[in-house]
Amino acid sequence: METKKYSEMNEHELRSEIGILMEKARKAEQLGMINEFAVYQRKALMAKSYMIDPSTIIPGEIYKIEGDEGVFFHVDYLKGRFAWGYRLGGERAEEALPIAMLQAVKTGK
């Protein structure tokens, strides 16, 4: 079976892949396989990032981090499907987050 890169998949294929990964994550969690659970969750997040138009993530803006309640992320620049920047309130250590993890702070977007 040939494996396609997420960048080569259409939206339907990405949605299917995300469903498969989330099911694998659910099973891993039920079996107490925490490492595998985290891997499948991260892969699903990357697949979701390919369904988001990177131009919707604006450098200089601040975003909420999905799954990290009350934490905000300042985007410095984009590289591929990753937003590089730093978490507010921390030591401003640069890190990269998949763009699917970012949620607009301003409503109505």
N, C-alpha and C. Protein backbone atom coordinates (compact mmCIF):
# COMPACT_ATOMS: atom_id res chain seq x y z
N MET A 1 0.83 -1.19 0.00
CA MET A 1 0.00 0.00 0.00
C MET A 1 0.88 1.25 0.00
N GLU A 2 0.64 2.10 -0.97
CA GLU A 2 1.42 3.33 -1.09
C GLU A 2 0.87 4.37 -0.11
N THR A 3 1.76 5.01 0.62
CA THR A 3 1.35 6.03 1.56
C THR A 3 1.54 7.40 0.93
N LYS A 4 0.47 8.17 0.92
CA LYS A 4 0.53 9.53 0.40
C LYS A 4 0.92 10.48 1.51
N LYS A 5 1.63 11.54 1.13
CA LYS A 5 1.92 12.60 2.08
C LYS A 5 0.64 13.41 2.28
N TYR A 6 0.50 14.02 3.44
CA TYR A 6 -0.68 14.85 3.69
C TYR A 6 -0.78 15.96 2.65
N SER A 7 0.35 16.48 2.23
CA SER A 7 0.35 17.58 1.25
C SER A 7 -0.18 17.13 -0.11
N GLU A 8 -0.21 15.82 -0.36
CA GLU A 8 -0.70 15.29 -1.63
C GLU A 8 -2.16 14.85 -1.57
N MET A 9 -2.74 14.89 -0.37
CA MET A 9 -4.12 14.42 -0.19
C MET A 9 -5.12 15.55 -0.44
N ASN A 10 -6.30 15.17 -0.95
CA ASN A 10 -7.38 16.14 -1.07
C ASN A 10 -8.14 16.17 0.27
N GLU A 11 -9.12 17.06 0.37
CA GLU A 11 -9.83 17.22 1.64
C GLU A 11 -10.53 15.94 2.09
N HIS A 12 -11.14 15.23 1.15
CA HIS A 12 -11.82 13.97 1.48
C HIS A 12 -10.82 12.95 2.05
N GLU A 13 -9.67 12.82 1.41
CA GLU A 13 -8.64 11.88 1.89
C GLU A 13 -8.12 12.29 3.26
N LEU A 14 -7.95 13.59 3.46
CA LEU A 14 -7.48 14.07 4.77
C LEU A 14 -8.51 13.76 5.86
N ARG A 15 -9.79 14.01 5.57
CA ARG A 15 -10.84 13.73 6.56
C ARG A 15 -10.87 12.24 6.92
N SER A 16 -10.71 11.40 5.90
CA SER A 16 -10.69 9.95 6.11
C SER A 16 -9.50 9.55 6.98
N GLU A 17 -8.33 10.11 6.65
CA GLU A 17 -7.10 9.83 7.41
C GLU A 17 -7.25 10.28 8.86
N ILE A 18 -7.84 11.45 9.08
CA ILE A 18 -8.04 11.96 10.44
C ILE A 18 -8.96 11.01 11.22
N GLY A 19 -10.02 10.53 10.57
CA GLY A 19 -10.93 9.57 11.21
C GLY A 19 -10.23 8.30 11.63
N ILE A 20 -9.39 7.78 10.73
CA ILE A 20 -8.63 6.56 11.02
C ILE A 20 -7.68 6.80 12.20
N LEU A 21 -6.97 7.91 12.16
CA LEU A 21 -6.01 8.23 13.23
C LEU A 21 -6.71 8.43 14.57
N MET A 22 -7.85 9.08 14.57
CA MET A 22 -8.57 9.31 15.83
C MET A 22 -9.10 7.99 16.39
N GLU A 23 -9.51 7.08 15.51
CA GLU A 23 -9.96 5.75 15.96
C GLU A 23 -8.78 4.98 16.56
N LYS A 24 -7.63 5.04 15.92
CA LYS A 24 -6.42 4.37 16.45
C LYS A 24 -6.04 4.98 17.79
N ALA A 25 -6.16 6.30 17.91
CA ALA A 25 -5.85 6.98 19.17
C ALA A 25 -6.80 6.52 20.27
N ARG A 26 -8.08 6.42 19.92
CA ARG A 26 -9.09 5.99 20.90
C ARG A 26 -8.78 4.58 21.40
N LYS A 27 -8.45 3.68 20.49
CA LYS A 27 -8.12 2.30 20.87
C LYS A 27 -6.85 2.26 21.72
N ALA A 28 -5.85 3.04 21.35
CA ALA A 28 -4.61 3.08 22.12
C ALA A 28 -4.87 3.58 23.54
N GLU A 29 -5.74 4.58 23.65
CA GLU A 29 -6.07 5.13 24.96
C GLU A 29 -6.79 4.09 25.81
N GLN A 30 -7.73 3.35 25.20
CA GLN A 30 -8.47 2.31 25.91
C GLN A 30 -7.53 1.21 26.42
N LEU A 31 -6.49 0.95 25.63
CA LEU A 31 -5.53 -0.10 26.01
C LEU A 31 -4.43 0.44 26.93
N GLY A 32 -4.51 1.72 27.27
CA GLY A 32 -3.52 2.31 28.17
C GLY A 32 -2.17 2.56 27.50
N MET A 33 -2.16 2.60 26.18
CA MET A 33 -0.91 2.82 25.43
C MET A 33 -0.77 4.32 25.17
N ILE A 34 -0.33 5.02 26.20
CA ILE A 34 -0.32 6.48 26.18
C ILE A 34 0.61 7.05 25.10
N ASN A 35 1.77 6.43 24.90
CA ASN A 35 2.69 6.93 23.88
C ASN A 35 2.07 6.85 22.49
N GLU A 36 1.46 5.70 22.17
CA GLU A 36 0.82 5.55 20.86
C GLU A 36 -0.35 6.51 20.72
N PHE A 37 -1.10 6.69 21.80
CA PHE A 37 -2.21 7.65 21.80
C PHE A 37 -1.71 9.03 21.39
N ALA A 38 -0.62 9.47 22.00
CA ALA A 38 -0.05 10.80 21.72
C ALA A 38 0.42 10.90 20.27
N VAL A 39 1.02 9.83 19.75
CA VAL A 39 1.51 9.82 18.37
C VAL A 39 0.34 9.97 17.39
N TYR A 40 -0.72 9.20 17.59
CA TYR A 40 -1.88 9.28 16.68
C TYR A 40 -2.57 10.65 16.78
N GLN A 41 -2.65 11.19 17.99
CA GLN A 41 -3.24 12.52 18.16
C GLN A 41 -2.44 13.57 17.38
N ARG A 42 -1.11 13.48 17.49
CA ARG A 42 -0.23 14.44 16.82
C ARG A 42 -0.34 14.30 15.30
N LYS A 43 -0.41 13.05 14.82
CA LYS A 43 -0.55 12.83 13.37
C LYS A 43 -1.87 13.40 12.87
N ALA A 44 -2.94 13.21 13.63
CA ALA A 44 -4.25 13.75 13.24
C ALA A 44 -4.20 15.27 13.20
N LEU A 45 -3.50 15.86 14.15
CA LEU A 45 -3.34 17.31 14.19
C LEU A 45 -2.59 17.81 12.95
N MET A 46 -1.57 17.07 12.54
CA MET A 46 -0.83 17.46 11.34
C MET A 46 -1.72 17.35 10.11
N ALA A 47 -2.51 16.28 10.02
CA ALA A 47 -3.42 16.12 8.88
C ALA A 47 -4.43 17.28 8.86
N LYS A 48 -4.94 17.65 10.04
CA LYS A 48 -5.88 18.78 10.12
C LYS A 48 -5.21 20.08 9.65
N SER A 49 -3.90 20.20 9.92
CA SER A 49 -3.19 21.42 9.52
C SER A 49 -3.16 21.59 8.01
N TYR A 50 -3.27 20.49 7.28
CA TYR A 50 -3.28 20.57 5.82
C TYR A 50 -4.66 20.93 5.28
N MET A 51 -5.65 21.02 6.16
CA MET A 51 -6.99 21.44 5.74
C MET A 51 -7.21 22.92 6.04
N ILE A 52 -6.18 23.56 6.60
CA ILE A 52 -6.28 24.98 6.96
C ILE A 52 -5.42 25.78 5.99
N ASP A 53 -5.97 26.88 5.52
CA ASP A 53 -5.23 27.78 4.64
C ASP A 53 -4.23 28.53 5.52
N PRO A 54 -2.91 28.35 5.28
CA PRO A 54 -1.91 29.02 6.12
C PRO A 54 -2.05 30.55 6.10
N SER A 55 -2.63 31.10 5.05
CA SER A 55 -2.77 32.56 4.98
C SER A 55 -3.76 33.09 6.02
N THR A 56 -4.51 32.19 6.67
CA THR A 56 -5.44 32.63 7.73
C THR A 56 -4.71 32.83 9.06
N ILE A 57 -3.46 32.38 9.14
CA ILE A 57 -2.64 32.58 10.35
C ILE A 57 -1.73 33.77 10.06
N ILE A 58 -1.90 34.83 10.83
CA ILE A 58 -1.21 36.08 10.54
C ILE A 58 -0.06 36.33 11.52
N PRO A 59 1.17 36.44 10.99
CA PRO A 59 2.31 36.77 11.87
C PRO A 59 2.04 38.08 12.60
N GLY A 60 2.42 38.10 13.88
CA GLY A 60 2.19 39.27 14.73
C GLY A 60 0.90 39.16 15.53
N GLU A 61 0.01 38.25 15.13
CA GLU A 61 -1.25 38.05 15.85
C GLU A 61 -1.06 37.07 17.00
N ILE A 62 -2.03 37.09 17.91
CA ILE A 62 -2.02 36.19 19.06
C ILE A 62 -3.20 35.22 18.92
N TYR A 63 -2.95 33.94 19.20
CA TYR A 63 -3.96 32.89 19.06
C TYR A 63 -4.06 32.09 20.34
N LYS A 64 -5.25 31.51 20.55
CA LYS A 64 -5.43 30.54 21.64
C LYS A 64 -4.81 29.23 21.16
N ILE A 65 -4.34 28.42 22.11
CA ILE A 65 -3.80 27.10 21.78
C ILE A 65 -4.85 26.07 22.11
N GLU A 66 -5.31 25.34 21.09
CA GLU A 66 -6.33 24.30 21.31
C GLU A 66 -5.76 23.24 22.25
N GLY A 67 -6.55 22.88 23.25
CA GLY A 67 -6.13 21.85 24.20
C GLY A 67 -5.26 22.37 25.33
N ASP A 68 -4.96 23.67 25.32
CA ASP A 68 -4.14 24.27 26.38
C ASP A 68 -4.88 25.51 26.86
N GLU A 69 -5.92 25.28 27.67
CA GLU A 69 -6.85 26.33 28.08
C GLU A 69 -6.15 27.50 28.74
N GLY A 70 -6.49 28.71 28.29
CA GLY A 70 -5.96 29.92 28.91
C GLY A 70 -4.55 30.27 28.47
N VAL A 71 -3.98 29.52 27.53
CA VAL A 71 -2.63 29.80 27.05
C VAL A 71 -2.71 30.42 25.66
N PHE A 72 -1.93 31.46 25.46
CA PHE A 72 -1.94 32.17 24.18
C PHE A 72 -0.58 32.08 23.51
N PHE A 73 -0.60 32.15 22.19
CA PHE A 73 0.60 31.98 21.38
C PHE A 73 0.76 33.16 20.43
N HIS A 74 1.92 33.79 20.47
CA HIS A 74 2.23 34.90 19.56
C HIS A 74 2.97 34.32 18.36
N VAL A 75 2.39 34.49 17.17
CA VAL A 75 3.00 33.96 15.94
C VAL A 75 4.00 34.97 15.39
N ASP A 76 5.25 34.53 15.22
CA ASP A 76 6.28 35.36 14.61
C ASP A 76 6.31 35.15 13.09
N TYR A 77 6.28 33.88 12.68
CA TYR A 77 6.30 33.58 11.24
C TYR A 77 5.79 32.16 11.01
N LEU A 78 5.48 31.87 9.75
CA LEU A 78 5.01 30.55 9.34
C LEU A 78 6.09 29.88 8.51
N LYS A 79 6.18 28.56 8.68
CA LYS A 79 7.07 27.76 7.84
C LYS A 79 6.32 26.46 7.57
N GLY A 80 5.86 26.31 6.34
CA GLY A 80 5.05 25.13 6.03
C GLY A 80 3.75 25.19 6.79
N ARG A 81 3.41 24.11 7.47
CA ARG A 81 2.16 24.05 8.23
C ARG A 81 2.40 24.29 9.72
N PHE A 82 3.52 24.95 10.03
CA PHE A 82 3.85 25.26 11.42
C PHE A 82 3.90 26.77 11.62
N ALA A 83 3.40 27.20 12.77
CA ALA A 83 3.52 28.60 13.18
C ALA A 83 4.64 28.65 14.22
N TRP A 84 5.61 29.49 13.98
CA TRP A 84 6.71 29.68 14.92
C TRP A 84 6.46 30.92 15.74
N GLY A 85 6.73 30.82 17.02
CA GLY A 85 6.54 31.96 17.91
C GLY A 85 6.77 31.53 19.34
N TYR A 86 6.02 32.13 20.26
CA TYR A 86 6.21 31.82 21.67
C TYR A 86 4.89 31.95 22.42
N ARG A 87 4.82 31.22 23.54
CA ARG A 87 3.65 31.28 24.42
C ARG A 87 3.78 32.54 25.28
N LEU A 88 2.66 33.23 25.46
CA LEU A 88 2.67 34.43 26.30
C LEU A 88 2.78 34.02 27.77
N GLY A 89 3.48 34.83 28.53
CA GLY A 89 3.60 34.58 29.96
C GLY A 89 4.71 33.62 30.30
N GLY A 90 5.37 33.08 29.30
CA GLY A 90 6.47 32.15 29.55
C GLY A 90 7.80 32.86 29.43
N GLU A 91 8.84 32.06 29.18
CA GLU A 91 10.18 32.63 29.05
C GLU A 91 10.46 33.03 27.60
N ARG A 92 9.38 33.09 26.79
CA ARG A 92 9.46 33.48 25.38
C ARG A 92 10.38 32.57 24.58
N ALA A 93 10.38 31.29 24.93
CA ALA A 93 11.17 30.32 24.18
C ALA A 93 10.47 30.06 22.85
N GLU A 94 11.23 30.15 21.77
CA GLU A 94 10.63 29.93 20.45
C GLU A 94 10.26 28.47 20.28
N GLU A 95 9.07 28.24 19.72
CA GLU A 95 8.63 26.88 19.42
C GLU A 95 7.74 26.92 18.19
N ALA A 96 7.50 25.75 17.63
CA ALA A 96 6.64 25.64 16.46
C ALA A 96 5.42 24.81 16.83
N LEU A 97 4.25 25.28 16.42
CA LEU A 97 3.01 24.54 16.64
C LEU A 97 2.34 24.29 15.30
N PRO A 98 1.76 23.10 15.11
CA PRO A 98 0.97 22.88 13.89
C PRO A 98 -0.16 23.90 13.85
N ILE A 99 -0.43 24.46 12.67
CA ILE A 99 -1.41 25.54 12.60
C ILE A 99 -2.81 25.10 13.03
N ALA A 100 -3.10 23.82 13.01
CA ALA A 100 -4.41 23.34 13.46
C ALA A 100 -4.62 23.55 14.96
N MET A 101 -3.53 23.79 15.70
CA MET A 101 -3.65 24.01 17.14
C MET A 101 -4.05 25.45 17.47
N LEU A 102 -3.99 26.33 16.49
CA LEU A 102 -4.24 27.74 16.76
C LEU A 102 -5.68 28.13 16.49
N GLN A 103 -6.25 28.87 17.42
CA GLN A 103 -7.62 29.35 17.29
C GLN A 103 -7.60 30.87 17.43
N ALA A 104 -8.31 31.55 16.55
CA ALA A 104 -8.38 33.01 16.60
C ALA A 104 -8.94 33.45 17.95
N VAL A 105 -8.33 34.48 18.51
CA VAL A 105 -8.80 35.04 19.77
C VAL A 105 -10.02 35.90 19.51
N LYS A 106 -9.96 36.67 18.43
CA LYS A 106 -11.09 37.54 18.06
C LYS A 106 -12.20 36.68 17.47
N THR A 107 -13.39 36.87 17.98
CA THR A 107 -14.53 36.12 17.42
C THR A 107 -14.98 36.77 16.13
N GLY A 108 -15.68 36.02 15.34
CA GLY A 108 -16.18 36.54 14.07
C GLY A 108 -15.26 36.24 12.91
N LYS A 109 -14.17 35.52 13.17
CA LYS A 109 -13.25 35.15 12.10
C LYS A 109 -13.61 33.80 11.57
